[in-house]
Amino acid sequence: MDKPASTRQLKVAREIQRDLAEIIRSKGMAAFGGAMVTVSEVRISPDLSIAKVYVSIFPSGKAGAVLSALEQGKKGIRGELGHKVASQLRIVPELDFYHDTSLDYAEHIEELLKK
């Protein structure tokens, strides 16, 4: 079982989530094939070296293309993040992007309840 995140981890994760959301929003929907991309959660390793970034993608049919675009642009995104968090962090964490499917799951449950 994972131990709970420290207060420092939670603060850093929240700051990274806010900054990444701004970076992704600034790229615009066109950069992701017209999909709307939202950073829904960031989990950071105890040593602050790896950030798992969960993104909600609408429509979810474009998830594969969006995740591949994020992977290809990961280096640039990490660079932009570095400029934003330079005063707070010594090292900029490696970014790993994951599709957050919780909205799809909620939509599926809603559909089932309508029947």
Protein backbone atom coordinates (compact mmCIF):
# COMPACT_ATOMS: atom_id res chain seq x y z
CA MET A 1 0.00 0.00 0.00
CA ASP A 2 1.30 3.47 -0.86
CA LYS A 3 2.02 5.78 2.02
CA PRO A 4 0.07 9.05 1.99
CA ALA A 5 1.60 12.02 0.20
CA SER A 6 3.40 14.57 2.33
CA THR A 7 2.20 18.16 2.60
CA ARG A 8 5.15 19.24 0.43
CA GLN A 9 4.22 16.67 -2.26
CA LEU A 10 0.62 17.90 -2.27
CA LYS A 11 1.64 21.57 -2.54
CA VAL A 12 4.12 20.89 -5.34
CA ALA A 13 1.56 18.71 -7.19
CA ARG A 14 -1.08 21.45 -6.94
CA GLU A 15 1.35 24.09 -8.25
CA ILE A 16 2.45 21.83 -11.13
CA GLN A 17 -1.20 21.09 -11.97
CA ARG A 18 -2.01 24.81 -12.11
CA ASP A 19 1.06 25.62 -14.24
CA LEU A 20 0.57 22.68 -16.63
CA ALA A 21 -3.09 23.62 -17.11
CA GLU A 22 -1.98 27.12 -18.09
CA ILE A 23 0.71 25.80 -20.47
CA ILE A 24 -1.69 23.37 -22.17
CA ARG A 25 -4.44 26.01 -22.39
CA SER A 26 -1.98 28.44 -24.02
CA LYS A 27 -1.26 25.89 -26.78
CA GLY A 28 -4.94 25.96 -27.76
CA MET A 29 -7.29 23.22 -28.91
CA ALA A 30 -5.77 23.22 -32.40
CA ALA A 31 -2.54 21.73 -31.01
CA PHE A 32 -4.57 18.71 -29.90
CA GLY A 33 -6.70 18.17 -32.98
CA GLY A 34 -9.60 20.20 -31.66
CA ALA A 35 -9.88 18.24 -28.41
CA MET A 36 -10.37 19.99 -25.10
CA VAL A 37 -7.62 18.95 -22.67
CA THR A 38 -7.86 19.51 -18.92
CA VAL A 39 -5.26 18.61 -16.29
CA SER A 40 -7.43 16.81 -13.75
CA GLU A 41 -4.78 15.62 -11.29
CA VAL A 42 -1.04 15.52 -10.67
CA ARG A 43 0.62 12.98 -8.39
CA ILE A 44 4.27 13.51 -7.58
CA SER A 45 6.84 11.01 -6.32
CA PRO A 46 8.21 11.45 -2.77
CA ASP A 47 11.55 12.72 -4.14
CA LEU A 48 9.68 15.18 -6.42
CA SER A 49 11.43 13.79 -9.51
CA ILE A 50 8.46 12.25 -11.36
CA ALA A 51 5.02 13.77 -11.89
CA LYS A 52 2.14 11.61 -13.09
CA VAL A 53 -0.14 13.99 -14.96
CA TYR A 54 -3.74 12.87 -15.49
CA VAL A 55 -5.58 14.64 -18.31
CA SER A 56 -9.27 14.61 -19.18
CA ILE A 57 -9.84 14.68 -22.93
CA PHE A 58 -13.07 15.66 -24.64
CA PRO A 59 -14.15 14.08 -26.88
CA SER A 60 -12.57 10.94 -25.49
CA GLY A 61 -12.33 9.47 -28.99
CA LYS A 62 -9.31 11.72 -29.55
CA ALA A 63 -7.50 10.49 -26.43
CA GLY A 64 -4.87 8.49 -28.34
CA ALA A 65 -3.94 11.41 -30.58
CA VAL A 66 -3.84 13.86 -27.67
CA LEU A 67 -1.68 11.61 -25.49
CA SER A 68 0.72 11.09 -28.37
CA ALA A 69 0.89 14.88 -28.95
CA LEU A 70 1.61 15.39 -25.25
CA GLU A 71 4.33 12.72 -25.33
CA GLN A 72 5.96 14.30 -28.38
CA GLY A 73 5.82 17.77 -26.81
CA LYS A 74 6.83 16.56 -23.36
CA LYS A 75 10.33 18.08 -23.55
CA GLY A 76 9.00 21.53 -24.49
CA ILE A 77 6.23 21.39 -21.89
CA ARG A 78 8.76 20.41 -19.21
CA GLY A 79 10.95 23.34 -20.31
CA GLU A 80 8.06 25.80 -19.99
CA LEU A 81 7.19 24.30 -16.61
CA GLY A 82 10.82 24.78 -15.54
CA HIS A 83 10.58 28.51 -16.21
CA LYS A 84 7.43 28.74 -14.10
CA VAL A 85 8.64 26.72 -11.09
CA ALA A 86 12.32 27.72 -11.16
CA SER A 87 12.00 29.73 -7.95
CA GLN A 88 10.25 26.91 -6.04
CA LEU A 89 11.96 23.71 -7.23
CA ARG A 90 15.59 22.73 -7.74
CA ILE A 91 14.74 20.08 -10.32
CA VAL A 92 11.80 20.01 -12.70
CA PRO A 93 10.09 16.62 -12.45
CA GLU A 94 9.87 14.21 -15.39
CA LEU A 95 6.33 14.27 -16.77
CA ASP A 96 4.31 11.12 -17.44
CA PHE A 97 0.92 11.71 -19.06
CA TYR A 98 -2.09 9.47 -18.42
CA HIS A 99 -5.67 9.59 -19.69
CA ASP A 100 -8.10 10.28 -16.83
CA THR A 101 -11.14 8.20 -17.69
CA SER A 102 -13.27 9.16 -14.67
CA LEU A 103 -15.50 11.44 -16.80
CA ASP A 104 -16.08 8.62 -19.31
CA TYR A 105 -16.94 6.31 -16.43
CA ALA A 106 -19.42 8.81 -14.95
CA GLU A 107 -20.99 9.29 -18.38
CA HIS A 108 -21.30 5.51 -18.79
CA ILE A 109 -23.00 5.16 -15.37
CA GLU A 110 -25.37 8.00 -16.25
CA GLU A 111 -26.32 6.24 -19.50
CA LEU A 112 -26.96 3.01 -17.62
CA LEU A 113 -29.17 4.80 -15.10
CA LYS A 114 -31.27 6.35 -17.87
CA LYS A 115 -32.28 2.91 -19.17
